[in-house]
């Protein structure tokens, strides 16, 4: 279970993962050693999965963001596993969710432009065995993005 100090550390790291233990300690009015130990524990227990940079996709040439809902024709475990293995190898797919409802999966895809997305759709995604339907929505404006979870 997370205590108040662990939650404060996680909130700080989610806002800026480059903060040093010393900076976090100063913010929380602690010494460096307990902060170091707490972060080590949070990593060991899996509350911190990894530290990574958040890249501005527009500034690295991937301005097109697409959400694609995928239906597969056969729901046998081996077919779902094959689909998942293949889709996870596609560099254009930055997130993949197995969902309930009308469709089976939702993919978050980045591309340089519409032509590149079409190429991805026709030559990669639609060629995965078992894909029976793809319904894509193109993001016009991002109102809120990010992966931070505010802990209280």
C-alpha atoms as a PDB file:
ATOM      1  CA  UNK A   1       0.000   0.000   0.000  1.00  0.00           C
ATOM      2  CA  UNK A   2       1.188   3.494  -0.795  1.00  0.00           C
ATOM      3  CA  UNK A   3       1.498   6.036   1.977  1.00  0.00           C
ATOM      4  CA  UNK A   4       1.241   9.809   1.532  1.00  0.00           C
ATOM      5  CA  UNK A   5       4.984  10.231   0.952  1.00  0.00           C
ATOM      6  CA  UNK A   6       5.088   7.508  -1.721  1.00  0.00           C
ATOM      7  CA  UNK A   7       2.166   9.217  -3.491  1.00  0.00           C
ATOM      8  CA  UNK A   8       3.944  12.583  -3.381  1.00  0.00           C
ATOM      9  CA  UNK A   9       7.094  11.020  -4.831  1.00  0.00           C
ATOM     10  CA  UNK A  10       5.100   9.385  -7.630  1.00  0.00           C
ATOM     11  CA  UNK A  11       3.282  12.644  -8.427  1.00  0.00           C
ATOM     12  CA  UNK A  12       6.594  14.508  -8.635  1.00  0.00           C
ATOM     13  CA  UNK A  13       8.226  11.878 -10.842  1.00  0.00           C
ATOM     14  CA  UNK A  14       5.226  11.773 -13.173  1.00  0.00           C
ATOM     15  CA  UNK A  15       5.539  15.512 -13.712  1.00  0.00           C
ATOM     16  CA  UNK A  16       9.319  15.376 -14.191  1.00  0.00           C
ATOM     17  CA  UNK A  17      11.134  12.038 -14.184  1.00  0.00           C
ATOM     18  CA  UNK A  18      14.490  13.807 -14.366  1.00  0.00           C
ATOM     19  CA  UNK A  19      14.211  15.098 -10.796  1.00  0.00           C
ATOM     20  CA  UNK A  20      17.105  13.938  -8.678  1.00  0.00           C
ATOM     21  CA  UNK A  21      16.660  12.267  -5.314  1.00  0.00           C
ATOM     22  CA  UNK A  22      18.094  15.434  -3.791  1.00  0.00           C
ATOM     23  CA  UNK A  23      15.487  17.626  -5.504  1.00  0.00           C
ATOM     24  CA  UNK A  24      12.651  15.332  -4.426  1.00  0.00           C
ATOM     25  CA  UNK A  25      13.982  15.225  -0.876  1.00  0.00           C
ATOM     26  CA  UNK A  26      14.104  19.031  -0.750  1.00  0.00           C
ATOM     27  CA  UNK A  27      10.541  19.293  -2.064  1.00  0.00           C
ATOM     28  CA  UNK A  28       9.262  16.842   0.562  1.00  0.00           C
ATOM     29  CA  UNK A  29      11.481  18.103   3.400  1.00  0.00           C
ATOM     30  CA  UNK A  30      13.236  14.740   3.708  1.00  0.00           C
ATOM     31  CA  UNK A  31      16.823  13.573   3.438  1.00  0.00           C
ATOM     32  CA  UNK A  32      18.119  11.919   0.294  1.00  0.00           C
ATOM     33  CA  UNK A  33      18.513   8.385   1.675  1.00  0.00           C
ATOM     34  CA  UNK A  34      14.833   7.721   2.483  1.00  0.00           C
ATOM     35  CA  UNK A  35      13.796   9.130  -0.887  1.00  0.00           C
ATOM     36  CA  UNK A  36      16.308   6.866  -2.625  1.00  0.00           C
ATOM     37  CA  UNK A  37      15.039   3.837  -0.664  1.00  0.00           C
ATOM     38  CA  UNK A  38      11.395   4.653  -1.370  1.00  0.00           C
ATOM     39  CA  UNK A  39      11.992   5.030  -5.114  1.00  0.00           C
ATOM     40  CA  UNK A  40      13.942   1.775  -5.126  1.00  0.00           C
ATOM     41  CA  UNK A  41      10.993   0.068  -3.356  1.00  0.00           C
ATOM     42  CA  UNK A  42       8.456   1.608  -5.757  1.00  0.00           C
ATOM     43  CA  UNK A  43      10.447   0.199  -8.691  1.00  0.00           C
ATOM     44  CA  UNK A  44      10.877  -3.208  -7.065  1.00  0.00           C
ATOM     45  CA  UNK A  45       7.146  -3.457  -6.269  1.00  0.00           C
ATOM     46  CA  UNK A  46       6.180  -2.423  -9.804  1.00  0.00           C
ATOM     47  CA  UNK A  47       4.460   0.848  -8.944  1.00  0.00           C
ATOM     48  CA  UNK A  48       7.096   2.485 -11.163  1.00  0.00           C
ATOM     49  CA  UNK A  49       7.181   0.357 -14.312  1.00  0.00           C
ATOM     50  CA  UNK A  50       9.851   2.345 -16.135  1.00  0.00           C
ATOM     51  CA  UNK A  51      11.226   5.838 -16.629  1.00  0.00           C
ATOM     52  CA  UNK A  52      10.947   7.166 -20.167  1.00  0.00           C
ATOM     53  CA  UNK A  53      11.026  10.380 -22.151  1.00  0.00           C
ATOM     54  CA  UNK A  54       7.749  11.601 -23.646  1.00  0.00           C
ATOM     55  CA  UNK A  55       8.531  12.611 -27.204  1.00  0.00           C
ATOM     56  CA  UNK A  56       6.479  15.245 -29.041  1.00  0.00           C
ATOM     57  CA  UNK A  57       5.337  13.175 -32.013  1.00  0.00           C
ATOM     58  CA  UNK A  58       4.661  16.272 -34.129  1.00  0.00           C
ATOM     59  CA  UNK A  59       8.226  17.510 -33.668  1.00  0.00           C
ATOM     60  CA  UNK A  60       9.677  14.159 -34.734  1.00  0.00           C
ATOM     61  CA  UNK A  61       7.640  13.889 -37.941  1.00  0.00           C
ATOM     62  CA  UNK A  62       4.618  11.835 -36.789  1.00  0.00           C
ATOM     63  CA  UNK A  63       1.802  14.410 -36.732  1.00  0.00           C
ATOM     64  CA  UNK A  64      -1.022  12.044 -37.742  1.00  0.00           C
ATOM     65  CA  UNK A  65      -2.635  10.271 -34.780  1.00  0.00           C
ATOM     66  CA  UNK A  66      -5.211   7.558 -35.455  1.00  0.00           C
ATOM     67  CA  UNK A  67      -7.406   5.386 -33.260  1.00  0.00           C
ATOM     68  CA  UNK A  68      -8.365   2.173 -35.032  1.00  0.00           C
ATOM     69  CA  UNK A  69     -10.983  -0.247 -33.799  1.00  0.00           C
ATOM     70  CA  UNK A  70     -10.223  -3.773 -34.963  1.00  0.00           C
ATOM     71  CA  UNK A  71     -12.509  -6.784 -35.235  1.00  0.00           C
ATOM     72  CA  UNK A  72     -11.097 -10.256 -35.692  1.00  0.00           C
ATOM     73  CA  UNK A  73     -13.066 -13.033 -37.347  1.00  0.00           C
ATOM     74  CA  UNK A  74     -12.241 -15.897 -35.021  1.00  0.00           C
ATOM     75  CA  UNK A  75     -11.943 -15.576 -31.247  1.00  0.00           C
ATOM     76  CA  UNK A  76      -9.986 -18.738 -30.581  1.00  0.00           C
ATOM     77  CA  UNK A  77      -7.099 -18.105 -28.197  1.00  0.00           C
ATOM     78  CA  UNK A  78      -4.474 -19.053 -30.773  1.00  0.00           C
ATOM     79  CA  UNK A  79      -5.881 -16.546 -33.273  1.00  0.00           C
ATOM     80  CA  UNK A  80      -6.037 -13.744 -30.714  1.00  0.00           C
ATOM     81  CA  UNK A  81      -2.480 -14.524 -29.605  1.00  0.00           C
ATOM     82  CA  UNK A  82      -1.253 -14.477 -33.199  1.00  0.00           C
ATOM     83  CA  UNK A  83      -2.967 -11.133 -33.844  1.00  0.00           C
ATOM     84  CA  UNK A  84      -1.494  -9.644 -30.658  1.00  0.00           C
ATOM     85  CA  UNK A  85       2.006 -10.874 -31.481  1.00  0.00           C
ATOM     86  CA  UNK A  86       1.861  -9.428 -34.976  1.00  0.00           C
ATOM     87  CA  UNK A  87       0.334  -6.080 -34.024  1.00  0.00           C
ATOM     88  CA  UNK A  88       2.842  -5.569 -31.204  1.00  0.00           C
ATOM     89  CA  UNK A  89       5.669  -5.788 -33.746  1.00  0.00           C
ATOM     90  CA  UNK A  90       4.288  -2.890 -35.810  1.00  0.00           C
ATOM     91  CA  UNK A  91       6.293   0.265 -35.055  1.00  0.00           C
ATOM     92  CA  UNK A  92       3.386   2.526 -36.034  1.00  0.00           C
ATOM     93  CA  UNK A  93       1.261   1.107 -33.196  1.00  0.00           C
ATOM     94  CA  UNK A  94       2.122   2.947 -29.981  1.00  0.00           C
ATOM     95  CA  UNK A  95      -0.682   1.500 -27.840  1.00  0.00           C
ATOM     96  CA  UNK A  96      -2.912  -1.552 -28.138  1.00  0.00           C
ATOM     97  CA  UNK A  97      -5.917  -2.496 -26.013  1.00  0.00           C
ATOM     98  CA  UNK A  98      -7.990  -5.690 -26.021  1.00  0.00           C
ATOM     99  CA  UNK A  99     -11.506  -4.386 -25.370  1.00  0.00           C
ATOM    100  CA  UNK A 100     -15.039  -5.577 -24.827  1.00  0.00           C
ATOM    101  CA  UNK A 101     -17.946  -4.423 -26.951  1.00  0.00           C
ATOM    102  CA  UNK A 102     -18.509  -4.286 -30.675  1.00  0.00           C
ATOM    103  CA  UNK A 103     -14.804  -4.483 -31.567  1.00  0.00           C
ATOM    104  CA  UNK A 104     -11.978  -6.594 -30.201  1.00  0.00           C
ATOM    105  CA  UNK A 105      -9.023  -4.205 -30.127  1.00  0.00           C
ATOM    106  CA  UNK A 106      -8.290  -0.492 -30.169  1.00  0.00           C
ATOM    107  CA  UNK A 107      -4.955   0.629 -31.575  1.00  0.00           C
ATOM    108  CA  UNK A 108      -3.317   4.019 -31.207  1.00  0.00           C
ATOM    109  CA  UNK A 109      -1.269   4.617 -34.334  1.00  0.00           C
ATOM    110  CA  UNK A 110       1.110   7.380 -35.438  1.00  0.00           C
ATOM    111  CA  UNK A 111       2.051   8.189 -39.013  1.00  0.00           C
ATOM    112  CA  UNK A 112       3.790  10.876 -41.024  1.00  0.00           C
ATOM    113  CA  UNK A 113       0.700  11.626 -43.103  1.00  0.00           C
ATOM    114  CA  UNK A 114      -2.454  10.091 -44.592  1.00  0.00           C
ATOM    115  CA  UNK A 115      -0.516   8.371 -47.379  1.00  0.00           C
ATOM    116  CA  UNK A 116       1.750   6.630 -44.876  1.00  0.00           C
ATOM    117  CA  UNK A 117      -1.268   5.602 -42.786  1.00  0.00           C
ATOM    118  CA  UNK A 118      -2.938   4.149 -45.880  1.00  0.00           C
ATOM    119  CA  UNK A 119       0.237   2.209 -46.659  1.00  0.00           C
ATOM    120  CA  UNK A 120       0.324   0.903 -43.077  1.00  0.00           C
ATOM    121  CA  UNK A 121      -3.361  -0.074 -43.236  1.00  0.00           C
ATOM    122  CA  UNK A 122      -3.206  -1.834 -46.599  1.00  0.00           C
ATOM    123  CA  UNK A 123       0.227  -3.437 -46.403  1.00  0.00           C
ATOM    124  CA  UNK A 124       0.512  -4.286 -42.714  1.00  0.00           C
ATOM    125  CA  UNK A 125      -2.642  -4.148 -40.620  1.00  0.00           C
ATOM    126  CA  UNK A 126      -5.127  -5.577 -43.115  1.00  0.00           C
ATOM    127  CA  UNK A 127      -2.722  -8.398 -43.954  1.00  0.00           C
ATOM    128  CA  UNK A 128      -2.761  -9.787 -40.413  1.00  0.00           C
ATOM    129  CA  UNK A 129      -4.632 -13.076 -40.529  1.00  0.00           C
ATOM    130  CA  UNK A 130      -8.068 -12.839 -38.943  1.00  0.00           C
ATOM    131  CA  UNK A 131      -8.578  -9.078 -39.220  1.00  0.00           C
ATOM    132  CA  UNK A 132     -12.149  -8.734 -40.457  1.00  0.00           C
ATOM    133  CA  UNK A 133     -12.853  -5.027 -39.925  1.00  0.00           C
ATOM    134  CA  UNK A 134     -10.903  -1.827 -39.271  1.00  0.00           C
ATOM    135  CA  UNK A 135     -12.686   1.370 -38.299  1.00  0.00           C
ATOM    136  CA  UNK A 136     -10.324   4.333 -37.997  1.00  0.00           C
ATOM    137  CA  UNK A 137     -10.837   7.742 -36.438  1.00  0.00           C
ATOM    138  CA  UNK A 138      -8.389  10.550 -37.121  1.00  0.00           C
ATOM    139  CA  UNK A 139      -7.576  12.835 -34.226  1.00  0.00           C
ATOM    140  CA  UNK A 140      -8.383  16.441 -35.113  1.00  0.00           C
ATOM    141  CA  UNK A 141      -7.371  18.005 -31.797  1.00  0.00           C
ATOM    142  CA  UNK A 142      -5.899  16.604 -28.617  1.00  0.00           C
ATOM    143  CA  UNK A 143      -7.693  18.106 -25.644  1.00  0.00           C
ATOM    144  CA  UNK A 144      -5.915  16.104 -22.964  1.00  0.00           C
ATOM    145  CA  UNK A 145      -3.043  13.723 -23.345  1.00  0.00           C
ATOM    146  CA  UNK A 146      -0.632  12.015 -21.056  1.00  0.00           C
ATOM    147  CA  UNK A 147      -0.270   9.055 -18.799  1.00  0.00           C
ATOM    148  CA  UNK A 148       0.005  10.659 -15.366  1.00  0.00           C
ATOM    149  CA  UNK A 149      -2.224   9.318 -12.623  1.00  0.00           C
ATOM    150  CA  UNK A 150      -2.787  11.943  -9.937  1.00  0.00           C
ATOM    151  CA  UNK A 151      -2.431  10.244  -6.555  1.00  0.00           C
ATOM    152  CA  UNK A 152      -4.015  11.738  -3.470  1.00  0.00           C
END
